[in-house]
Amino acid sequence: MRMNPTGLILGLFVLFCIGFGFLWVIKLEYYFGAGTWKAVLLVGILICLASLLMPDFTTSALLGIFGGSVVWGATELPGQAERVQRGLFPANPKRKGGK
């Protein structure tokens, strides 16, 4: 019986995407604000659509997972702005509206 590492690879990639998603949502909100959520959402949808065109399962799955993570991050940007307003994260003093 031959082992198939695809599930393990996909699972680790999901963990990476989730962890990286926390970081880029915080940084994107800090430097550009939550108003970028629509552009991020569009990029995520385009990545998901591109996954439909991939020739093999693994590449398609990896791209779909990454695209889904970007879409989820877009929905988290307004929430991150609220967390900044509550003082849970630092506001960018150089950006208009920063504390």
PDB file of N, CA and C in Angstrom:
ATOM      1  N   MET A   1       0.841  -1.172   0.000  1.00  0.00           N
ATOM      2  CA  MET A   1       0.000   0.000   0.000  1.00  0.00           C
ATOM      3  C   MET A   1       0.895   1.248   0.000  1.00  0.00           C
ATOM      4  N   ARG A   2       0.639   2.138  -0.924  1.00  0.00           N
ATOM      5  CA  ARG A   2       1.426   3.355  -1.075  1.00  0.00           C
ATOM      6  C   ARG A   2       0.762   4.509  -0.319  1.00  0.00           C
ATOM      7  N   MET A   3       1.567   5.304   0.366  1.00  0.00           N
ATOM      8  CA  MET A   3       1.027   6.441   1.118  1.00  0.00           C
ATOM      9  C   MET A   3       0.751   7.601   0.164  1.00  0.00           C
ATOM     10  N   ASN A   4      -0.321   8.346   0.468  1.00  0.00           N
ATOM     11  CA  ASN A   4      -0.683   9.506  -0.335  1.00  0.00           C
ATOM     12  C   ASN A   4      -0.583  10.744   0.557  1.00  0.00           C
ATOM     13  N   PRO A   5       0.416  11.607   0.329  1.00  0.00           N
ATOM     14  CA  PRO A   5       0.613  12.762   1.202  1.00  0.00           C
ATOM     15  C   PRO A   5      -0.269  13.967   0.858  1.00  0.00           C
ATOM     16  N   THR A   6      -1.143  13.850  -0.129  1.00  0.00           N
ATOM     17  CA  THR A   6      -1.918  15.009  -0.592  1.00  0.00           C
ATOM     18  C   THR A   6      -2.743  15.634   0.528  1.00  0.00           C
ATOM     19  N   GLY A   7      -3.444  14.834   1.293  1.00  0.00           N
ATOM     20  CA  GLY A   7      -4.269  15.363   2.377  1.00  0.00           C
ATOM     21  C   GLY A   7      -3.444  16.086   3.420  1.00  0.00           C
ATOM     22  N   LEU A   8      -2.299  15.522   3.771  1.00  0.00           N
ATOM     23  CA  LEU A   8      -1.418  16.157   4.745  1.00  0.00           C
ATOM     24  C   LEU A   8      -0.885  17.483   4.203  1.00  0.00           C
ATOM     25  N   ILE A   9      -0.486  17.504   2.946  1.00  0.00           N
ATOM     26  CA  ILE A   9       0.016  18.729   2.318  1.00  0.00           C
ATOM     27  C   ILE A   9      -1.067  19.801   2.314  1.00  0.00           C
ATOM     28  N   LEU A  10      -2.275  19.422   1.924  1.00  0.00           N
ATOM     29  CA  LEU A  10      -3.380  20.385   1.896  1.00  0.00           C
ATOM     30  C   LEU A  10      -3.702  20.895   3.295  1.00  0.00           C
ATOM     31  N   GLY A  11      -3.687  20.010   4.280  1.00  0.00           N
ATOM     32  CA  GLY A  11      -3.960  20.426   5.654  1.00  0.00           C
ATOM     33  C   GLY A  11      -2.922  21.402   6.174  1.00  0.00           C
ATOM     34  N   LEU A  12      -1.651  21.135   5.908  1.00  0.00           N
ATOM     35  CA  LEU A  12      -0.599  22.047   6.326  1.00  0.00           C
ATOM     36  C   LEU A  12      -0.698  23.379   5.603  1.00  0.00           C
ATOM     37  N   PHE A  13      -1.086  23.326   4.324  1.00  0.00           N
ATOM     38  CA  PHE A  13      -1.246  24.567   3.569  1.00  0.00           C
ATOM     39  C   PHE A  13      -2.401  25.399   4.127  1.00  0.00           C
ATOM     40  N   VAL A  14      -3.480  24.752   4.554  1.00  0.00           N
ATOM     41  CA  VAL A  14      -4.598  25.471   5.175  1.00  0.00           C
ATOM     42  C   VAL A  14      -4.119  26.165   6.452  1.00  0.00           C
ATOM     43  N   LEU A  15      -3.354  25.456   7.277  1.00  0.00           N
ATOM     44  CA  LEU A  15      -2.825  26.074   8.492  1.00  0.00           C
ATOM     45  C   LEU A  15      -1.943  27.278   8.167  1.00  0.00           C
ATOM     46  N   PHE A  16      -1.106  27.146   7.145  1.00  0.00           N
ATOM     47  CA  PHE A  16      -0.251  28.259   6.720  1.00  0.00           C
ATOM     48  C   PHE A  16      -1.096  29.444   6.269  1.00  0.00           C
ATOM     49  N   CYS A  17      -2.118  29.179   5.457  1.00  0.00           N
ATOM     50  CA  CYS A  17      -2.968  30.263   4.946  1.00  0.00           C
ATOM     51  C   CYS A  17      -3.700  30.981   6.073  1.00  0.00           C
ATOM     52  N   ILE A  18      -4.178  30.236   7.046  1.00  0.00           N
ATOM     53  CA  ILE A  18      -4.872  30.845   8.178  1.00  0.00           C
ATOM     54  C   ILE A  18      -3.909  31.706   8.988  1.00  0.00           C
ATOM     55  N   GLY A  19      -2.746  31.169   9.297  1.00  0.00           N
ATOM     56  CA  GLY A  19      -1.765  31.927  10.067  1.00  0.00           C
ATOM     57  C   GLY A  19      -1.277  33.159   9.329  1.00  0.00           C
ATOM     58  N   PHE A  20      -0.982  33.014   8.058  1.00  0.00           N
ATOM     59  CA  PHE A  20      -0.532  34.140   7.245  1.00  0.00           C
ATOM     60  C   PHE A  20      -1.663  35.156   7.083  1.00  0.00           C
ATOM     61  N   GLY A  21      -2.905  34.664   7.032  1.00  0.00           N
ATOM     62  CA  GLY A  21      -4.060  35.550   6.897  1.00  0.00           C
ATOM     63  C   GLY A  21      -4.183  36.510   8.062  1.00  0.00           C
ATOM     64  N   PHE A  22      -3.927  36.025   9.279  1.00  0.00           N
ATOM     65  CA  PHE A  22      -3.961  36.917  10.437  1.00  0.00           C
ATOM     66  C   PHE A  22      -2.972  38.064  10.261  1.00  0.00           C
ATOM     67  N   LEU A  23      -1.785  37.724   9.812  1.00  0.00           N
ATOM     68  CA  LEU A  23      -0.729  38.742   9.671  1.00  0.00           C
ATOM     69  C   LEU A  23      -1.059  39.771   8.596  1.00  0.00           C
ATOM     70  N   TRP A  24      -1.452  39.304   7.403  1.00  0.00           N
ATOM     71  CA  TRP A  24      -1.651  40.280   6.331  1.00  0.00           C
ATOM     72  C   TRP A  24      -2.893  41.134   6.555  1.00  0.00           C
ATOM     73  N   VAL A  25      -3.901  40.619   7.218  1.00  0.00           N
ATOM     74  CA  VAL A  25      -5.083  41.441   7.515  1.00  0.00           C
ATOM     75  C   VAL A  25      -4.691  42.579   8.464  1.00  0.00           C
ATOM     76  N   ILE A  26      -3.904  42.265   9.482  1.00  0.00           N
ATOM     77  CA  ILE A  26      -3.470  43.285  10.429  1.00  0.00           C
ATOM     78  C   ILE A  26      -2.615  44.335   9.723  1.00  0.00           C
ATOM     79  N   LYS A  27      -1.649  43.891   8.938  1.00  0.00           N
ATOM     80  CA  LYS A  27      -0.746  44.828   8.252  1.00  0.00           C
ATOM     81  C   LYS A  27      -1.472  45.646   7.191  1.00  0.00           C
ATOM     82  N   LEU A  28      -2.356  45.025   6.433  1.00  0.00           N
ATOM     83  CA  LEU A  28      -3.082  45.752   5.384  1.00  0.00           C
ATOM     84  C   LEU A  28      -3.963  46.834   5.991  1.00  0.00           C
ATOM     85  N   GLU A  29      -4.639  46.506   7.087  1.00  0.00           N
ATOM     86  CA  GLU A  29      -5.478  47.512   7.750  1.00  0.00           C
ATOM     87  C   GLU A  29      -4.608  48.632   8.318  1.00  0.00           C
ATOM     88  N   TYR A  30      -3.466  48.289   8.858  1.00  0.00           N
ATOM     89  CA  TYR A  30      -2.581  49.298   9.456  1.00  0.00           C
ATOM     90  C   TYR A  30      -2.079  50.287   8.400  1.00  0.00           C
ATOM     91  N   TYR A  31      -1.619  49.782   7.265  1.00  0.00           N
ATOM     92  CA  TYR A  31      -1.009  50.657   6.267  1.00  0.00           C
ATOM     93  C   TYR A  31      -2.003  51.291   5.294  1.00  0.00           C
ATOM     94  N   PHE A  32      -3.095  50.604   4.982  1.00  0.00           N
ATOM     95  CA  PHE A  32      -4.010  51.100   3.953  1.00  0.00           C
ATOM     96  C   PHE A  32      -5.440  51.305   4.420  1.00  0.00           C
ATOM     97  N   GLY A  33      -5.817  50.752   5.555  1.00  0.00           N
ATOM     98  CA  GLY A  33      -7.171  50.902   6.068  1.00  0.00           C
ATOM     99  C   GLY A  33      -8.086  49.783   5.603  1.00  0.00           C
ATOM    100  N   ALA A  34      -9.237  49.729   6.239  1.00  0.00           N
ATOM    101  CA  ALA A  34     -10.201  48.669   5.951  1.00  0.00           C
ATOM    102  C   ALA A  34     -10.941  48.897   4.638  1.00  0.00           C
ATOM    103  N   GLY A  35     -10.818  50.099   4.076  1.00  0.00           N
ATOM    104  CA  GLY A  35     -11.512  50.399   2.827  1.00  0.00           C
ATOM    105  C   GLY A  35     -11.020  49.589   1.633  1.00  0.00           C
ATOM    106  N   THR A  36      -9.922  48.876   1.827  1.00  0.00           N
ATOM    107  CA  THR A  36      -9.393  48.050   0.735  1.00  0.00           C
ATOM    108  C   THR A  36     -10.095  46.700   0.619  1.00  0.00           C
ATOM    109  N   TRP A  37     -11.080  46.460   1.459  1.00  0.00           N
ATOM    110  CA  TRP A  37     -11.690  45.131   1.499  1.00  0.00           C
ATOM    111  C   TRP A  37     -12.316  44.718   0.174  1.00  0.00           C
ATOM    112  N   LYS A  38     -12.865  45.681  -0.575  1.00  0.00           N
ATOM    113  CA  LYS A  38     -13.494  45.322  -1.853  1.00  0.00           C
ATOM    114  C   LYS A  38     -12.467  44.850  -2.872  1.00  0.00           C
ATOM    115  N   ALA A  39     -11.328  45.514  -2.924  1.00  0.00           N
ATOM    116  CA  ALA A  39     -10.268  45.106  -3.845  1.00  0.00           C
ATOM    117  C   ALA A  39      -9.717  43.739  -3.447  1.00  0.00           C
ATOM    118  N   VAL A  40      -9.540  43.519  -2.147  1.00  0.00           N
ATOM    119  CA  VAL A  40      -9.043  42.230  -1.667  1.00  0.00           C
ATOM    120  C   VAL A  40     -10.051  41.126  -1.984  1.00  0.00           C
ATOM    121  N   LEU A  41     -11.322  41.413  -1.807  1.00  0.00           N
ATOM    122  CA  LEU A  41     -12.362  40.448  -2.131  1.00  0.00           C
ATOM    123  C   LEU A  41     -12.312  40.071  -3.613  1.00  0.00           C
ATOM    124  N   LEU A  42     -12.163  41.059  -4.468  1.00  0.00           N
ATOM    125  CA  LEU A  42     -12.074  40.798  -5.908  1.00  0.00           C
ATOM    126  C   LEU A  42     -10.864  39.928  -6.240  1.00  0.00           C
ATOM    127  N   VAL A  43      -9.720  40.229  -5.634  1.00  0.00           N
ATOM    128  CA  VAL A  43      -8.517  39.421  -5.870  1.00  0.00           C
ATOM    129  C   VAL A  43      -8.762  37.981  -5.412  1.00  0.00           C
ATOM    130  N   GLY A  44      -9.370  37.808  -4.259  1.00  0.00           N
ATOM    131  CA  GLY A  44      -9.659  36.462  -3.761  1.00  0.00           C
ATOM    132  C   GLY A  44     -10.587  35.691  -4.678  1.00  0.00           C
ATOM    133  N   ILE A  45     -11.613  36.352  -5.191  1.00  0.00           N
ATOM    134  CA  ILE A  45     -12.543  35.696  -6.114  1.00  0.00           C
ATOM    135  C   ILE A  45     -11.824  35.317  -7.403  1.00  0.00           C
ATOM    136  N   LEU A  46     -10.967  36.199  -7.902  1.00  0.00           N
ATOM    137  CA  LEU A  46     -10.211  35.887  -9.121  1.00  0.00           C
ATOM    138  C   LEU A  46      -9.277  34.695  -8.917  1.00  0.00           C
ATOM    139  N   ILE A  47      -8.662  34.618  -7.741  1.00  0.00           N
ATOM    140  CA  ILE A  47      -7.803  33.468  -7.441  1.00  0.00           C
ATOM    141  C   ILE A  47      -8.635  32.186  -7.403  1.00  0.00           C
ATOM    142  N   CYS A  48      -9.804  32.252  -6.786  1.00  0.00           N
ATOM    143  CA  CYS A  48     -10.692  31.072  -6.747  1.00  0.00           C
ATOM    144  C   CYS A  48     -11.110  30.655  -8.149  1.00  0.00           C
ATOM    145  N   LEU A  49     -11.438  31.634  -8.986  1.00  0.00           N
ATOM    146  CA  LEU A  49     -11.817  31.312 -10.368  1.00  0.00           C
ATOM    147  C   LEU A  49     -10.636  30.717 -11.135  1.00  0.00           C
ATOM    148  N   ALA A  50      -9.433  31.216 -10.886  1.00  0.00           N
ATOM    149  CA  ALA A  50      -8.244  30.668 -11.542  1.00  0.00           C
ATOM    150  C   ALA A  50      -8.016  29.222 -11.142  1.00  0.00           C
ATOM    151  N   SER A  51      -8.414  28.863  -9.925  1.00  0.00           N
ATOM    152  CA  SER A  51      -8.244  27.470  -9.485  1.00  0.00           C
ATOM    153  C   SER A  51      -9.062  26.506 -10.348  1.00  0.00           C
ATOM    154  N   LEU A  52     -10.135  27.014 -10.938  1.00  0.00           N
ATOM    155  CA  LEU A  52     -10.961  26.171 -11.810  1.00  0.00           C
ATOM    156  C   LEU A  52     -10.250  25.809 -13.111  1.00  0.00           C
ATOM    157  N   LEU A  53      -9.247  26.576 -13.467  1.00  0.00           N
ATOM    158  CA  LEU A  53      -8.544  26.369 -14.732  1.00  0.00           C
ATOM    159  C   LEU A  53      -7.263  25.552 -14.592  1.00  0.00           C
ATOM    160  N   MET A  54      -6.929  25.140 -13.385  1.00  0.00           N
ATOM    161  CA  MET A  54      -5.690  24.395 -13.162  1.00  0.00           C
ATOM    162  C   MET A  54      -5.822  22.964 -13.667  1.00  0.00           C
ATOM    163  N   PRO A  55      -4.738  22.439 -14.256  1.00  0.00           N
ATOM    164  CA  PRO A  55      -4.817  21.125 -14.900  1.00  0.00           C
ATOM    165  C   PRO A  55      -4.846  19.938 -13.941  1.00  0.00           C
ATOM    166  N   ASP A  56      -4.363  20.089 -12.702  1.00  0.00           N
ATOM    167  CA  ASP A  56      -4.364  18.939 -11.804  1.00  0.00           C
ATOM    168  C   ASP A  56      -5.021  19.290 -10.467  1.00  0.00           C
ATOM    169  N   PHE A  57      -5.395  18.265  -9.753  1.00  0.00           N
ATOM    170  CA  PHE A  57      -6.154  18.423  -8.512  1.00  0.00           C
ATOM    171  C   PHE A  57      -5.402  19.219  -7.460  1.00  0.00           C
ATOM    172  N   THR A  58      -4.142  18.855  -7.212  1.00  0.00           N
ATOM    173  CA  THR A  58      -3.408  19.473  -6.117  1.00  0.00           C
ATOM    174  C   THR A  58      -3.227  20.970  -6.336  1.00  0.00           C
ATOM    175  N   THR A  59      -2.827  21.363  -7.531  1.00  0.00           N
ATOM    176  CA  THR A  59      -2.650  22.784  -7.826  1.00  0.00           C
ATOM    177  C   THR A  59      -3.974  23.529  -7.699  1.00  0.00           C
ATOM    178  N   SER A  60      -5.030  22.935  -8.218  1.00  0.00           N
ATOM    179  CA  SER A  60      -6.347  23.543  -8.131  1.00  0.00           C
ATOM    180  C   SER A  60      -6.779  23.701  -6.672  1.00  0.00           C
ATOM    181  N   ALA A  61      -6.547  22.671  -5.872  1.00  0.00           N
ATOM    182  CA  ALA A  61      -6.931  22.721  -4.464  1.00  0.00           C
ATOM    183  C   ALA A  61      -6.126  23.774  -3.711  1.00  0.00           C
ATOM    184  N   LEU A  62      -4.814  23.826  -3.943  1.00  0.00           N
ATOM    185  CA  LEU A  62      -3.976  24.814  -3.263  1.00  0.00           C
ATOM    186  C   LEU A  62      -4.400  26.231  -3.621  1.00  0.00           C
ATOM    187  N   LEU A  63      -4.673  26.460  -4.890  1.00  0.00           N
ATOM    188  CA  LEU A  63      -5.094  27.790  -5.321  1.00  0.00           C
ATOM    189  C   LEU A  63      -6.475  28.135  -4.762  1.00  0.00           C
ATOM    190  N   GLY A  64      -7.380  27.159  -4.746  1.00  0.00           N
ATOM    191  CA  GLY A  64      -8.709  27.380  -4.183  1.00  0.00           C
ATOM    192  C   GLY A  64      -8.659  27.684  -2.694  1.00  0.00           C
ATOM    193  N   ILE A  65      -7.815  26.977  -1.964  1.00  0.00           N
ATOM    194  CA  ILE A  65      -7.657  27.227  -0.533  1.00  0.00           C
ATOM    195  C   ILE A  65      -7.097  28.625  -0.303  1.00  0.00           C
ATOM    196  N   PHE A  66      -6.070  28.990  -1.072  1.00  0.00           N
ATOM    197  CA  PHE A  66      -5.474  30.311  -0.917  1.00  0.00           C
ATOM    198  C   PHE A  66      -6.496  31.403  -1.263  1.00  0.00           C
ATOM    199  N   GLY A  67      -7.234  31.210  -2.356  1.00  0.00           N
ATOM    200  CA  GLY A  67      -8.257  32.185  -2.749  1.00  0.00           C
ATOM    201  C   GLY A  67      -9.340  32.326  -1.698  1.00  0.00           C
ATOM    202  N   GLY A  68      -9.768  31.218  -1.145  1.00  0.00           N
ATOM    203  CA  GLY A  68     -10.771  31.259  -0.079  1.00  0.00           C
ATOM    204  C   GLY A  68     -10.257  31.980   1.150  1.00  0.00           C
ATOM    205  N   SER A  69      -8.981  31.798   1.462  1.00  0.00           N
ATOM    206  CA  SER A  69      -8.376  32.494   2.581  1.00  0.00           C
ATOM    207  C   SER A  69      -8.325  34.005   2.338  1.00  0.00           C
ATOM    208  N   VAL A  70      -8.044  34.405   1.105  1.00  0.00           N
ATOM    209  CA  VAL A  70      -8.012  35.833   0.768  1.00  0.00           C
ATOM    210  C   VAL A  70      -9.423  36.428   0.867  1.00  0.00           C
ATOM    211  N   VAL A  71     -10.416  35.687   0.387  1.00  0.00           N
ATOM    212  CA  VAL A  71     -11.809  36.154   0.498  1.00  0.00           C
ATOM    213  C   VAL A  71     -12.181  36.311   1.970  1.00  0.00           C
ATOM    214  N   TRP A  72     -11.833  35.347   2.792  1.00  0.00           N
ATOM    215  CA  TRP A  72     -12.133  35.435   4.225  1.00  0.00           C
ATOM    216  C   TRP A  72     -11.429  36.638   4.848  1.00  0.00           C
ATOM    217  N   GLY A  73     -10.174  36.862   4.461  1.00  0.00           N
ATOM    218  CA  GLY A  73      -9.436  38.014   4.976  1.00  0.00           C
ATOM    219  C   GLY A  73     -10.105  39.327   4.613  1.00  0.00           C
ATOM    220  N   ALA A  74     -10.673  39.393   3.409  1.00  0.00           N
ATOM    221  CA  ALA A  74     -11.377  40.609   2.989  1.00  0.00           C
ATOM    222  C   ALA A  74     -12.550  40.894   3.913  1.00  0.00           C
ATOM    223  N   THR A  75     -13.234  39.850   4.342  1.00  0.00           N
ATOM    224  CA  THR A  75     -14.365  40.053   5.245  1.00  0.00           C
ATOM    225  C   THR A  75     -13.903  40.407   6.651  1.00  0.00           C
ATOM    226  N   GLU A  76     -12.644  40.110   6.988  1.00  0.00           N
ATOM    227  CA  GLU A  76     -12.106  40.425   8.312  1.00  0.00           C
ATOM    228  C   GLU A  76     -11.549  41.838   8.412  1.00  0.00           C
ATOM    229  N   LEU A  77     -11.286  42.493   7.290  1.00  0.00           N
ATOM    230  CA  LEU A  77     -10.708  43.841   7.334  1.00  0.00           C
ATOM    231  C   LEU A  77     -11.576  44.845   8.101  1.00  0.00           C
ATOM    232  N   PRO A  78     -12.893  44.913   7.875  1.00  0.00           N
ATOM    233  CA  PRO A  78     -13.702  45.835   8.690  1.00  0.00           C
ATOM    234  C   PRO A  78     -13.686  45.474  10.182  1.00  0.00           C
ATOM    235  N   GLY A  79     -13.658  44.196  10.480  1.00  0.00           N
ATOM    236  CA  GLY A  79     -13.565  43.773  11.879  1.00  0.00           C
ATOM    237  C   GLY A  79     -12.247  44.181  12.510  1.00  0.00           C
ATOM    238  N   GLN A  80     -11.186  44.120  11.708  1.00  0.00           N
ATOM    239  CA  GLN A  80      -9.887  44.558  12.207  1.00  0.00           C
ATOM    240  C   GLN A  80      -9.901  46.056  12.514  1.00  0.00           C
ATOM    241  N   ALA A  81     -10.571  46.831  11.664  1.00  0.00           N
ATOM    242  CA  ALA A  81     -10.689  48.273  11.919  1.00  0.00           C
ATOM    243  C   ALA A  81     -11.420  48.528  13.241  1.00  0.00           C
ATOM    244  N   GLU A  82     -12.435  47.731  13.536  1.00  0.00           N
ATOM    245  CA  GLU A  82     -13.147  47.866  14.814  1.00  0.00           C
ATOM    246  C   GLU A  82     -12.239  47.513  15.985  1.00  0.00           C
ATOM    247  N   ARG A  83     -11.420  46.482  15.815  1.00  0.00           N
ATOM    248  CA  ARG A  83     -10.492  46.098  16.885  1.00  0.00           C
ATOM    249  C   ARG A  83      -9.462  47.206  17.131  1.00  0.00           C
ATOM    250  N   VAL A  84      -9.059  47.890  16.062  1.00  0.00           N
ATOM    251  CA  VAL A  84      -8.136  49.022  16.212  1.00  0.00           C
ATOM    252  C   VAL A  84      -8.829  50.147  16.979  1.00  0.00           C
ATOM    253  N   GLN A  85     -10.078  50.435  16.643  1.00  0.00           N
ATOM    254  CA  GLN A  85     -10.823  51.498  17.339  1.00  0.00           C
ATOM    255  C   GLN A  85     -11.001  51.187  18.820  1.00  0.00           C
ATOM    256  N   ARG A  86     -11.146  49.915  19.156  1.00  0.00           N
ATOM    257  CA  ARG A  86     -11.297  49.526  20.565  1.00  0.00           C
ATOM    258  C   ARG A  86      -9.964  49.505  21.301  1.00  0.00           C
ATOM    259  N   GLY A  87      -8.862  49.699  20.555  1.00  0.00           N
ATOM    260  CA  GLY A  87      -7.548  49.743  21.183  1.00  0.00           C
ATOM    261  C   GLY A  87      -6.859  48.410  21.316  1.00  0.00           C
ATOM    262  N   LEU A  88      -7.384  47.368  20.670  1.00  0.00           N
ATOM    263  CA  LEU A  88      -6.755  46.056  20.757  1.00  0.00           C
ATOM    264  C   LEU A  88      -5.518  45.947  19.863  1.00  0.00           C
ATOM    265  N   PHE A  89      -5.451  46.781  18.834  1.00  0.00           N
ATOM    266  CA  PHE A  89      -4.314  46.838  17.918  1.00  0.00           C
ATOM    267  C   PHE A  89      -3.945  48.300  17.717  1.00  0.00           C
ATOM    268  N   PRO A  90      -2.675  48.581  17.427  1.00  0.00           N
ATOM    269  CA  PRO A  90      -2.276  49.977  17.248  1.00  0.00           C
ATOM    270  C   PRO A  90      -2.808  50.562  15.943  1.00  0.00           C
ATOM    271  N   ALA A  91      -3.171  51.835  15.985  1.00  0.00           N
ATOM    272  CA  ALA A  91      -3.584  52.559  14.784  1.00  0.00           C
ATOM    273  C   ALA A  91      -2.344  53.175  14.149  1.00  0.00           C
ATOM    274  N   ASN A  92      -2.370  53.350  12.862  1.00  0.00           N
ATOM    275  CA  ASN A  92      -1.266  53.968  12.146  1.00  0.00           C
ATOM    276  C   ASN A  92      -1.389  55.489  12.291  1.00  0.00           C
ATOM    277  N   PRO A  93      -0.463  56.130  13.005  1.00  0.00           N
ATOM    278  CA  PRO A  93      -0.582  57.576  13.212  1.00  0.00           C
ATOM    279  C   PRO A  93      -0.345  58.389  11.931  1.00  0.00           C
ATOM    280  N   LYS A  94       0.294  57.794  10.946  1.00  0.00           N
ATOM    281  CA  LYS A  94       0.571  58.515   9.684  1.00  0.00           C
ATOM    282  C   LYS A  94      -0.623  58.516   8.731  1.00  0.00           C
ATOM    283  N   ARG A  95      -1.554  57.600   8.969  1.00  0.00           N
ATOM    284  CA  ARG A  95      -2.718  57.502   8.091  1.00  0.00           C
ATOM    285  C   ARG A  95      -3.830  58.399   8.616  1.00  0.00           C
ATOM    286  N   LYS A  96      -4.591  58.994   7.730  1.00  0.00           N
ATOM    287  CA  LYS A  96      -5.706  59.852   8.126  1.00  0.00           C
ATOM    288  C   LYS A  96      -6.666  59.038   8.989  1.00  0.00           C
ATOM    289  N   GLY A  97      -7.017  59.589  10.103  1.00  0.00           N
ATOM    290  CA  GLY A  97      -7.920  58.907  11.014  1.00  0.00           C
ATOM    291  C   GLY A  97      -7.195  58.057  12.043  1.00  0.00           C
ATOM    292  N   GLY A  98      -5.846  57.954  11.920  1.00  0.00           N
ATOM    293  CA  GLY A  98      -5.080  57.187  12.889  1.00  0.00           C
ATOM    294  C   GLY A  98      -4.970  57.935  14.210  1.00  0.00           C
ATOM    295  N   LYS A  99      -4.808  57.201  15.306  1.00  0.00           N
ATOM    296  CA  LYS A  99      -4.710  57.826  16.636  1.00  0.00           C
ATOM    297  C   LYS A  99      -3.318  58.366  16.868  1.00  0.00           C
TER     298      LYS A  99
END
